[in-house]
Amino acid sequence: MNAPTTFGPSLAASGGALPGSGRPEFGQASASAMSMKWSALHDAANVVAMLAGIAAEPMRPEIRNFPALMRDVGGWRRELAEQGIDDLSAIMEPGLAALLAVNARGVNPAPAALALWQEFHAARSALLAFSPPAESVQPRRFM
């Protein structure tokens, strides 16, 4: 194939960086990733609740729709929501792994699971507080 070997000015001539490089904006794809992470967090939280001996809470619409709402709002709220979901994932992943390891050894994980559940619930409540008042949200979706 006769594919070009360069695509514009060389990187050396431009200082070694691609123009406009930085944090990419993926729009719809990043919102979908945020929705998948949000859903996975709640699946993990349901396992933690089970290990704590409490009933998993139902997914209310304001919780389920949080990623889509943050996508519609955009700006600083979306950035903080994405960062908060990543931070909450960083807490839940090793916490759940530790709880499962303790449970596999035959030790009661309920006290530790309850503590992790409370941390999850508090962090999720803080994330949900980023939601703007309902009347100020203008959906960017086509109807």
Protein backbone atom coordinates (compact mmCIF):
# COMPACT_ATOMS: atom_id res chain seq x y z
CA MET A 1 0.00 0.00 0.00
CA ASN A 2 1.13 3.54 -0.67
CA ALA A 3 0.00 5.10 2.60
CA PRO A 4 1.47 8.49 3.52
CA THR A 5 4.17 8.31 6.16
CA THR A 6 3.43 11.75 7.63
CA PHE A 7 0.25 13.61 8.32
CA GLY A 8 1.20 17.29 8.21
CA PRO A 9 4.14 18.99 9.90
CA SER A 10 6.47 16.69 11.75
CA LEU A 11 6.12 16.33 15.50
CA ALA A 12 9.65 17.60 15.99
CA ALA A 13 8.81 20.82 14.16
CA SER A 14 5.72 21.40 16.28
CA GLY A 15 7.46 20.96 19.61
CA GLY A 16 6.67 17.27 19.98
CA ALA A 17 2.97 17.64 20.76
CA LEU A 18 -0.05 17.17 18.60
CA PRO A 19 -2.10 20.32 18.08
CA GLY A 20 -5.02 20.48 20.45
CA SER A 21 -3.76 17.54 22.46
CA GLY A 22 -4.98 17.25 26.00
CA ARG A 23 -8.01 15.61 27.50
CA PRO A 24 -10.11 14.27 24.63
CA GLU A 25 -13.78 15.02 24.36
CA PHE A 26 -15.69 11.92 23.36
CA GLY A 27 -19.20 13.30 23.88
CA GLN A 28 -21.74 10.51 23.69
CA ALA A 29 -19.14 7.78 24.19
CA SER A 30 -17.91 9.24 27.48
CA ALA A 31 -21.49 9.59 28.70
CA SER A 32 -22.04 5.94 27.87
CA ALA A 33 -18.87 5.00 29.74
CA MET A 34 -20.06 7.03 32.72
CA SER A 35 -23.42 5.19 32.60
CA MET A 36 -21.69 1.82 32.51
CA LYS A 37 -19.44 2.72 35.45
CA TRP A 38 -22.45 4.03 37.39
CA SER A 39 -24.35 0.81 36.75
CA ALA A 40 -21.35 -1.34 37.71
CA LEU A 41 -20.95 0.64 40.93
CA HIS A 42 -24.53 -0.13 41.87
CA ASP A 43 -24.09 -3.81 41.05
CA ALA A 44 -21.06 -3.85 43.36
CA ALA A 45 -23.01 -1.96 46.03
CA ASN A 46 -25.75 -4.61 45.86
CA VAL A 47 -23.15 -7.31 46.56
CA VAL A 48 -21.78 -5.24 49.46
CA ALA A 49 -25.31 -4.85 50.83
CA MET A 50 -25.84 -8.61 50.59
CA LEU A 51 -22.57 -9.23 52.46
CA ALA A 52 -23.65 -6.67 55.08
CA GLY A 53 -26.92 -8.53 55.55
CA ILE A 54 -29.11 -5.67 54.35
CA ALA A 55 -31.52 -5.52 51.45
CA ALA A 56 -30.27 -3.91 48.27
CA GLU A 57 -32.11 -0.71 47.57
CA PRO A 58 -34.15 -0.34 44.39
CA MET A 59 -32.71 1.88 41.65
CA ARG A 60 -34.83 5.03 41.81
CA PRO A 61 -35.17 7.10 38.60
CA GLU A 62 -33.11 10.03 39.93
CA ILE A 63 -30.25 7.62 40.66
CA ARG A 64 -30.57 5.63 37.44
CA ASN A 65 -30.73 8.75 35.27
CA PHE A 66 -27.84 10.58 36.94
CA PRO A 67 -25.25 9.95 34.16
CA ALA A 68 -27.65 11.09 31.42
CA LEU A 69 -28.56 14.18 33.44
CA MET A 70 -24.89 15.05 33.92
CA ARG A 71 -24.31 14.62 30.18
CA ASP A 72 -27.17 17.00 29.45
CA VAL A 73 -25.97 19.58 31.98
CA GLY A 74 -22.32 19.37 30.89
CA GLY A 75 -19.61 21.75 32.07
CA TRP A 76 -18.13 21.61 35.54
CA ARG A 77 -20.94 19.46 36.92
CA ARG A 78 -20.25 16.73 34.37
CA GLU A 79 -16.50 16.86 34.98
CA LEU A 80 -16.96 16.59 38.74
CA ALA A 81 -19.49 13.78 38.33
CA GLU A 82 -17.10 11.82 36.11
CA GLN A 83 -14.26 12.33 38.60
CA GLY A 84 -16.52 11.40 41.52
CA ILE A 85 -17.63 8.18 39.82
CA ASP A 86 -13.99 7.30 39.14
CA ASP A 87 -13.12 8.03 42.79
CA LEU A 88 -16.02 5.94 44.05
CA SER A 89 -14.90 3.10 41.78
CA ALA A 90 -11.42 3.35 43.28
CA ILE A 91 -12.96 2.84 46.73
CA MET A 92 -15.40 0.08 45.84
CA GLU A 93 -13.13 -2.17 43.77
CA PRO A 94 -10.53 -3.01 46.44
CA GLY A 95 -13.16 -2.89 49.18
CA LEU A 96 -15.34 -5.46 47.48
CA ALA A 97 -12.30 -7.63 46.69
CA ALA A 98 -11.33 -7.58 50.36
CA LEU A 99 -14.85 -8.42 51.48
CA LEU A 100 -15.04 -11.35 49.09
CA ALA A 101 -11.65 -12.62 50.29
CA VAL A 102 -12.75 -12.40 53.92
CA ASN A 103 -16.01 -14.16 53.11
CA ALA A 104 -14.14 -16.92 51.22
CA ARG A 105 -12.10 -17.59 54.36
CA GLY A 106 -15.27 -18.15 56.34
CA VAL A 107 -15.08 -14.93 58.36
CA ASN A 108 -18.20 -12.82 58.78
CA PRO A 109 -17.82 -9.80 56.45
CA ALA A 110 -20.96 -8.02 57.70
CA PRO A 111 -19.34 -5.28 59.87
CA ALA A 112 -16.80 -4.33 57.21
CA ALA A 113 -19.43 -4.60 54.46
CA LEU A 114 -21.75 -2.29 56.37
CA ALA A 115 -18.96 0.27 56.71
CA LEU A 116 -18.24 0.09 52.96
CA TRP A 117 -21.98 0.36 52.21
CA GLN A 118 -22.21 3.51 54.36
CA GLU A 119 -19.18 5.02 52.59
CA PHE A 120 -20.73 4.23 49.20
CA HIS A 121 -24.05 5.72 50.20
CA ALA A 122 -22.45 8.94 51.53
CA ALA A 123 -20.26 9.36 48.44
CA ARG A 124 -23.19 8.68 46.11
CA SER A 125 -25.31 11.24 47.96
CA ALA A 126 -22.56 13.80 47.46
CA LEU A 127 -22.47 13.01 43.74
CA LEU A 128 -26.23 13.28 43.43
CA ALA A 129 -26.00 16.74 44.99
CA PHE A 130 -24.33 17.92 41.74
CA SER A 131 -27.69 17.55 40.03
CA PRO A 132 -29.19 20.92 39.18
CA PRO A 133 -32.75 21.76 40.18
CA ALA A 134 -35.20 19.87 37.96
CA GLU A 135 -36.65 22.99 36.32
CA SER A 136 -33.24 24.21 35.11
CA VAL A 137 -32.36 21.09 33.12
CA GLN A 138 -32.74 21.36 29.36
CA PRO A 139 -32.30 17.95 27.72
CA ARG A 140 -30.05 17.92 24.65
CA ARG A 141 -31.70 14.86 23.22
CA PHE A 142 -33.98 14.82 20.22
CA MET A 143 -37.57 14.14 21.07
